[in-house]
């Protein structure tokens, strides 16, 4: 199985709408779970999906997610990496 890929758009629109905070949240989540080496996080400065008005845009394993705030980002990470029980 390939490593999960999370692409967080850092274009000016997505950055201004909150992806700066989503990057920080993602980095802290992965570090807290010891997953830094298990996932590829890509920060694309020129990424454009044509959905800038629906940003911030985050792509998880090729699936585009729109209007990703901190709560949605946490939900995406929890779904991708559920806590061990």
C-alpha atoms as a PDB file:
ATOM      1  CA  UNK A   1       0.000   0.000   0.000  1.00  0.00           C
ATOM      2  CA  UNK A   2       1.334   3.426  -0.923  1.00  0.00           C
ATOM      3  CA  UNK A   3       1.855   6.197   1.565  1.00  0.00           C
ATOM      4  CA  UNK A   4      -1.042   8.649   1.936  1.00  0.00           C
ATOM      5  CA  UNK A   5      -0.562  12.011   0.268  1.00  0.00           C
ATOM      6  CA  UNK A   6      -1.940  15.267   1.668  1.00  0.00           C
ATOM      7  CA  UNK A   7      -1.598  18.307  -0.588  1.00  0.00           C
ATOM      8  CA  UNK A   8      -2.295  21.626   1.098  1.00  0.00           C
ATOM      9  CA  UNK A   9      -2.624  24.497  -1.350  1.00  0.00           C
ATOM     10  CA  UNK A  10      -0.524  27.494  -0.387  1.00  0.00           C
ATOM     11  CA  UNK A  11      -1.717  29.766  -3.177  1.00  0.00           C
ATOM     12  CA  UNK A  12      -2.579  33.268  -2.014  1.00  0.00           C
ATOM     13  CA  UNK A  13      -6.342  32.660  -1.806  1.00  0.00           C
ATOM     14  CA  UNK A  14      -6.107  29.387   0.138  1.00  0.00           C
ATOM     15  CA  UNK A  15      -3.316  30.749   2.325  1.00  0.00           C
ATOM     16  CA  UNK A  16      -5.388  33.823   3.234  1.00  0.00           C
ATOM     17  CA  UNK A  17      -8.449  31.666   3.961  1.00  0.00           C
ATOM     18  CA  UNK A  18      -6.710  29.414   6.468  1.00  0.00           C
ATOM     19  CA  UNK A  19      -4.360  26.877   4.933  1.00  0.00           C
ATOM     20  CA  UNK A  20      -1.458  28.397   6.849  1.00  0.00           C
ATOM     21  CA  UNK A  21      -3.155  27.143  10.031  1.00  0.00           C
ATOM     22  CA  UNK A  22      -4.044  23.815   8.369  1.00  0.00           C
ATOM     23  CA  UNK A  23      -0.352  23.201   7.663  1.00  0.00           C
ATOM     24  CA  UNK A  24       0.502  23.795  11.321  1.00  0.00           C
ATOM     25  CA  UNK A  25      -2.375  21.594  12.470  1.00  0.00           C
ATOM     26  CA  UNK A  26      -1.330  18.787  10.113  1.00  0.00           C
ATOM     27  CA  UNK A  27       2.316  18.939  11.214  1.00  0.00           C
ATOM     28  CA  UNK A  28       1.356  18.841  14.911  1.00  0.00           C
ATOM     29  CA  UNK A  29      -1.107  15.978  14.376  1.00  0.00           C
ATOM     30  CA  UNK A  30       1.432  13.860  12.482  1.00  0.00           C
ATOM     31  CA  UNK A  31       4.159  14.561  15.050  1.00  0.00           C
ATOM     32  CA  UNK A  32       1.875  13.725  17.987  1.00  0.00           C
ATOM     33  CA  UNK A  33       0.955  10.387  16.402  1.00  0.00           C
ATOM     34  CA  UNK A  34       4.518   9.600  15.290  1.00  0.00           C
ATOM     35  CA  UNK A  35       3.470   9.628  11.634  1.00  0.00           C
ATOM     36  CA  UNK A  36       5.844  12.135  10.051  1.00  0.00           C
ATOM     37  CA  UNK A  37       7.593   9.420   8.047  1.00  0.00           C
ATOM     38  CA  UNK A  38       4.336   7.673   7.107  1.00  0.00           C
ATOM     39  CA  UNK A  39       2.700  10.388   5.009  1.00  0.00           C
ATOM     40  CA  UNK A  40       3.771  12.683   2.197  1.00  0.00           C
ATOM     41  CA  UNK A  41       2.691  16.258   2.866  1.00  0.00           C
ATOM     42  CA  UNK A  42       2.998  18.462  -0.199  1.00  0.00           C
ATOM     43  CA  UNK A  43       2.782  22.214  -0.050  1.00  0.00           C
ATOM     44  CA  UNK A  44       2.001  23.475  -3.525  1.00  0.00           C
ATOM     45  CA  UNK A  45       2.573  27.189  -4.012  1.00  0.00           C
ATOM     46  CA  UNK A  46       1.169  27.106  -7.545  1.00  0.00           C
ATOM     47  CA  UNK A  47      -1.515  24.502  -7.013  1.00  0.00           C
ATOM     48  CA  UNK A  48      -4.814  25.406  -8.601  1.00  0.00           C
ATOM     49  CA  UNK A  49      -7.818  23.144  -8.901  1.00  0.00           C
ATOM     50  CA  UNK A  50     -10.014  25.869 -10.339  1.00  0.00           C
ATOM     51  CA  UNK A  51     -11.854  26.009  -7.011  1.00  0.00           C
ATOM     52  CA  UNK A  52     -10.137  29.011  -5.450  1.00  0.00           C
ATOM     53  CA  UNK A  53     -13.467  30.555  -4.402  1.00  0.00           C
ATOM     54  CA  UNK A  54     -14.220  27.346  -2.451  1.00  0.00           C
ATOM     55  CA  UNK A  55     -10.890  27.385  -0.611  1.00  0.00           C
ATOM     56  CA  UNK A  56      -9.033  26.586   1.403  1.00  0.00           C
ATOM     57  CA  UNK A  57      -8.367  23.515  -0.721  1.00  0.00           C
ATOM     58  CA  UNK A  58      -6.795  20.332   0.666  1.00  0.00           C
ATOM     59  CA  UNK A  59      -6.318  17.214  -1.443  1.00  0.00           C
ATOM     60  CA  UNK A  60      -6.107  13.856   0.321  1.00  0.00           C
ATOM     61  CA  UNK A  61      -5.115  10.920  -1.890  1.00  0.00           C
ATOM     62  CA  UNK A  62      -6.327  12.760  -5.021  1.00  0.00           C
ATOM     63  CA  UNK A  63      -9.717  13.703  -3.495  1.00  0.00           C
ATOM     64  CA  UNK A  64     -10.310  17.465  -3.416  1.00  0.00           C
ATOM     65  CA  UNK A  65     -11.791  18.895  -0.219  1.00  0.00           C
ATOM     66  CA  UNK A  66     -13.113  22.461  -0.217  1.00  0.00           C
ATOM     67  CA  UNK A  67     -13.642  25.013   2.555  1.00  0.00           C
ATOM     68  CA  UNK A  68     -11.268  23.136   4.848  1.00  0.00           C
ATOM     69  CA  UNK A  69     -11.142  24.834   8.236  1.00  0.00           C
ATOM     70  CA  UNK A  70      -9.366  23.465  11.324  1.00  0.00           C
ATOM     71  CA  UNK A  71     -12.323  21.242  12.228  1.00  0.00           C
ATOM     72  CA  UNK A  72     -12.547  19.699   8.766  1.00  0.00           C
ATOM     73  CA  UNK A  73      -8.750  19.266   8.650  1.00  0.00           C
ATOM     74  CA  UNK A  74      -8.836  17.425  11.972  1.00  0.00           C
ATOM     75  CA  UNK A  75     -11.694  15.217  10.736  1.00  0.00           C
ATOM     76  CA  UNK A  76      -9.759  14.354   7.560  1.00  0.00           C
ATOM     77  CA  UNK A  77      -6.658  13.434   9.565  1.00  0.00           C
ATOM     78  CA  UNK A  78      -8.673  11.394  12.083  1.00  0.00           C
ATOM     79  CA  UNK A  79     -10.336   9.493   9.233  1.00  0.00           C
ATOM     80  CA  UNK A  80      -7.015   8.836   7.523  1.00  0.00           C
ATOM     81  CA  UNK A  81      -5.188   7.968  10.767  1.00  0.00           C
ATOM     82  CA  UNK A  82      -7.655   6.716  13.386  1.00  0.00           C
ATOM     83  CA  UNK A  83      -6.337   6.597  16.949  1.00  0.00           C
ATOM     84  CA  UNK A  84      -5.369   3.160  18.200  1.00  0.00           C
ATOM     85  CA  UNK A  85      -7.870   1.733  20.631  1.00  0.00           C
END
